[in-house]
Amino acid sequence: MEHVLLKAKSDCAIAQFLLADGRHSEETQVANRVRNAYWFPETEIKAGEYVSVWTKSGKNSTGEMIDGTTIHRFYWNLPSSLWNAAGDCALLFKLQGCQCYRVQEN
């Protein structure tokens, strides 16, 4: 299984971020298509710490890398890989807010 590895540039609440898999049409141009999204749980991350997101099943945990740097491991619990074809890309969004709208049944 695959994972995405991120390094925090500054202290942050990781729940402000959403990781998604998408497509790109050129090297730096993201296509208008987002397929799956992972919203991070409430966790405080310090500058210099690592965050890894695994697509496989597992239990979220915090540990240390070989050099002693903290790493926060998160698991998406998906049955298969996401980034498995040319043109796939990982997208990281910083959320400024979120509004939830309930679907109305007819």
C-alpha atoms as a PDB file:
ATOM      1  CA  MET A   1       0.000   0.000   0.000  1.00  0.00           C
ATOM      2  CA  GLU A   2       0.993   3.570  -0.570  1.00  0.00           C
ATOM      3  CA  HIS A   3       1.327   6.628   1.643  1.00  0.00           C
ATOM      4  CA  VAL A   4       1.811  10.373   1.404  1.00  0.00           C
ATOM      5  CA  LEU A   5       4.504  11.926   3.604  1.00  0.00           C
ATOM      6  CA  LEU A   6       4.234  15.577   4.624  1.00  0.00           C
ATOM      7  CA  LYS A   7       6.505  17.763   6.785  1.00  0.00           C
ATOM      8  CA  ALA A   8       4.960  20.634   8.753  1.00  0.00           C
ATOM      9  CA  LYS A   9       6.454  24.058   7.986  1.00  0.00           C
ATOM     10  CA  SER A  10       4.807  25.568  11.054  1.00  0.00           C
ATOM     11  CA  ASP A  11       2.667  24.593  14.047  1.00  0.00           C
ATOM     12  CA  CYS A  12      -0.865  23.767  12.948  1.00  0.00           C
ATOM     13  CA  ALA A  13      -4.106  22.007  13.722  1.00  0.00           C
ATOM     14  CA  ILE A  14      -4.089  19.266  11.073  1.00  0.00           C
ATOM     15  CA  ALA A  15      -7.916  19.115  11.127  1.00  0.00           C
ATOM     16  CA  GLN A  16      -7.799  22.310   9.026  1.00  0.00           C
ATOM     17  CA  PHE A  17      -6.529  20.209   6.126  1.00  0.00           C
ATOM     18  CA  LEU A  18      -8.092  17.822   3.648  1.00  0.00           C
ATOM     19  CA  LEU A  19      -6.077  15.388   1.520  1.00  0.00           C
ATOM     20  CA  ALA A  20      -7.640  14.247  -1.743  1.00  0.00           C
ATOM     21  CA  ASP A  21      -6.688  12.279  -4.782  1.00  0.00           C
ATOM     22  CA  GLY A  22      -7.170  13.937  -8.108  1.00  0.00           C
ATOM     23  CA  ARG A  23      -5.837  14.166 -11.627  1.00  0.00           C
ATOM     24  CA  HIS A  24      -3.542  16.634 -13.310  1.00  0.00           C
ATOM     25  CA  SER A  25      -3.685  17.637 -16.935  1.00  0.00           C
ATOM     26  CA  GLU A  26      -0.162  19.056 -17.038  1.00  0.00           C
ATOM     27  CA  GLU A  27       2.795  19.064 -14.641  1.00  0.00           C
ATOM     28  CA  THR A  28       1.360  21.903 -12.520  1.00  0.00           C
ATOM     29  CA  GLN A  29      -2.250  22.076 -13.738  1.00  0.00           C
ATOM     30  CA  VAL A  30      -4.842  20.214 -11.665  1.00  0.00           C
ATOM     31  CA  ALA A  31      -7.790  18.836 -13.606  1.00  0.00           C
ATOM     32  CA  ASN A  32     -11.310  19.625 -12.433  1.00  0.00           C
ATOM     33  CA  ARG A  33     -11.774  16.232 -10.792  1.00  0.00           C
ATOM     34  CA  VAL A  34     -11.391  15.231  -7.139  1.00  0.00           C
ATOM     35  CA  ARG A  35     -12.298  11.646  -6.344  1.00  0.00           C
ATOM     36  CA  ASN A  36     -11.681  10.720  -2.697  1.00  0.00           C
ATOM     37  CA  ALA A  37     -11.027  12.925   0.317  1.00  0.00           C
ATOM     38  CA  TYR A  38      -9.481  12.354   3.765  1.00  0.00           C
ATOM     39  CA  TRP A  39     -10.253  14.893   6.459  1.00  0.00           C
ATOM     40  CA  PHE A  40      -7.632  14.778   9.201  1.00  0.00           C
ATOM     41  CA  PRO A  41      -8.780  14.271  12.812  1.00  0.00           C
ATOM     42  CA  GLU A  42      -8.143  16.877  15.517  1.00  0.00           C
ATOM     43  CA  THR A  43      -4.383  16.688  16.109  1.00  0.00           C
ATOM     44  CA  GLU A  44      -1.849  19.404  16.891  1.00  0.00           C
ATOM     45  CA  ILE A  45       1.264  19.219  14.717  1.00  0.00           C
ATOM     46  CA  LYS A  46       4.498  21.095  15.517  1.00  0.00           C
ATOM     47  CA  ALA A  47       6.844  22.637  12.952  1.00  0.00           C
ATOM     48  CA  GLY A  48       9.278  20.028  11.648  1.00  0.00           C
ATOM     49  CA  GLU A  49       7.084  17.039  12.504  1.00  0.00           C
ATOM     50  CA  TYR A  50       5.993  14.574   9.842  1.00  0.00           C
ATOM     51  CA  VAL A  51       2.529  13.423   8.865  1.00  0.00           C
ATOM     52  CA  SER A  52       2.002  10.238   6.874  1.00  0.00           C
ATOM     53  CA  VAL A  53      -1.322   9.161   5.422  1.00  0.00           C
ATOM     54  CA  TRP A  54      -1.605   5.502   4.446  1.00  0.00           C
ATOM     55  CA  THR A  55      -4.378   4.353   2.129  1.00  0.00           C
ATOM     56  CA  LYS A  56      -4.460   0.928   3.836  1.00  0.00           C
ATOM     57  CA  SER A  57      -6.254   0.015   7.058  1.00  0.00           C
ATOM     58  CA  GLY A  58      -4.621   0.697  10.386  1.00  0.00           C
ATOM     59  CA  LYS A  59      -4.889   2.581  13.652  1.00  0.00           C
ATOM     60  CA  ASN A  60      -3.829   6.239  13.804  1.00  0.00           C
ATOM     61  CA  SER A  61      -0.719   6.652  15.935  1.00  0.00           C
ATOM     62  CA  THR A  62       2.157   8.951  16.829  1.00  0.00           C
ATOM     63  CA  GLY A  63       5.732   7.748  16.991  1.00  0.00           C
ATOM     64  CA  GLU A  64       9.317   8.661  16.220  1.00  0.00           C
ATOM     65  CA  MET A  65      11.397   8.377  13.090  1.00  0.00           C
ATOM     66  CA  ILE A  66      14.974   7.025  13.230  1.00  0.00           C
ATOM     67  CA  ASP A  67      16.329  10.555  13.829  1.00  0.00           C
ATOM     68  CA  GLY A  68      13.905  11.144  16.734  1.00  0.00           C
ATOM     69  CA  THR A  69      11.541  13.432  14.790  1.00  0.00           C
ATOM     70  CA  THR A  70       7.869  12.938  15.639  1.00  0.00           C
ATOM     71  CA  ILE A  71       5.686  11.325  12.974  1.00  0.00           C
ATOM     72  CA  HIS A  72       1.895  11.209  13.043  1.00  0.00           C
ATOM     73  CA  ARG A  73       0.499   8.239  11.102  1.00  0.00           C
ATOM     74  CA  PHE A  74      -3.045   8.329   9.785  1.00  0.00           C
ATOM     75  CA  TYR A  75      -4.899   5.553   7.956  1.00  0.00           C
ATOM     76  CA  TRP A  76      -7.532   6.106   5.257  1.00  0.00           C
ATOM     77  CA  ASN A  77      -8.797   2.481   5.539  1.00  0.00           C
ATOM     78  CA  LEU A  78      -9.349   2.055   1.804  1.00  0.00           C
ATOM     79  CA  PRO A  79      -9.459  -1.369   0.120  1.00  0.00           C
ATOM     80  CA  SER A  80      -7.004  -0.433  -2.661  1.00  0.00           C
ATOM     81  CA  SER A  81      -4.447   2.137  -3.803  1.00  0.00           C
ATOM     82  CA  LEU A  82      -5.523   5.561  -5.076  1.00  0.00           C
ATOM     83  CA  TRP A  83      -2.445   6.777  -6.915  1.00  0.00           C
ATOM     84  CA  ASN A  84      -1.938   3.992  -9.423  1.00  0.00           C
ATOM     85  CA  ALA A  85      -2.014   5.620 -12.853  1.00  0.00           C
ATOM     86  CA  ALA A  86      -0.128   8.297 -14.753  1.00  0.00           C
ATOM     87  CA  GLY A  87      -1.830  11.635 -14.181  1.00  0.00           C
ATOM     88  CA  ASP A  88      -2.907  10.893 -10.591  1.00  0.00           C
ATOM     89  CA  CYS A  89      -1.906  13.436  -7.943  1.00  0.00           C
ATOM     90  CA  ALA A  90      -2.301  14.121  -4.228  1.00  0.00           C
ATOM     91  CA  LEU A  91      -4.032  17.389  -3.366  1.00  0.00           C
ATOM     92  CA  LEU A  92      -3.718  19.104   0.022  1.00  0.00           C
ATOM     93  CA  PHE A  93      -6.364  21.709   0.849  1.00  0.00           C
ATOM     94  CA  LYS A  94      -6.270  24.125   3.798  1.00  0.00           C
ATOM     95  CA  LEU A  95      -9.831  24.772   4.894  1.00  0.00           C
ATOM     96  CA  GLN A  96     -10.827  28.219   6.084  1.00  0.00           C
ATOM     97  CA  GLY A  97     -14.229  26.985   7.135  1.00  0.00           C
ATOM     98  CA  CYS A  98     -16.841  24.436   6.288  1.00  0.00           C
ATOM     99  CA  GLN A  99     -20.586  24.559   5.997  1.00  0.00           C
ATOM    100  CA  CYS A 100     -22.616  21.338   6.127  1.00  0.00           C
ATOM    101  CA  TYR A 101     -25.973  21.204   4.379  1.00  0.00           C
ATOM    102  CA  ARG A 102     -28.369  18.337   4.990  1.00  0.00           C
ATOM    103  CA  VAL A 103     -30.010  16.716   2.017  1.00  0.00           C
ATOM    104  CA  GLN A 104     -33.764  17.203   2.048  1.00  0.00           C
ATOM    105  CA  GLU A 105     -35.827  14.144   1.177  1.00  0.00           C
ATOM    106  CA  ASN A 106     -38.809  14.647  -1.101  1.00  0.00           C
END
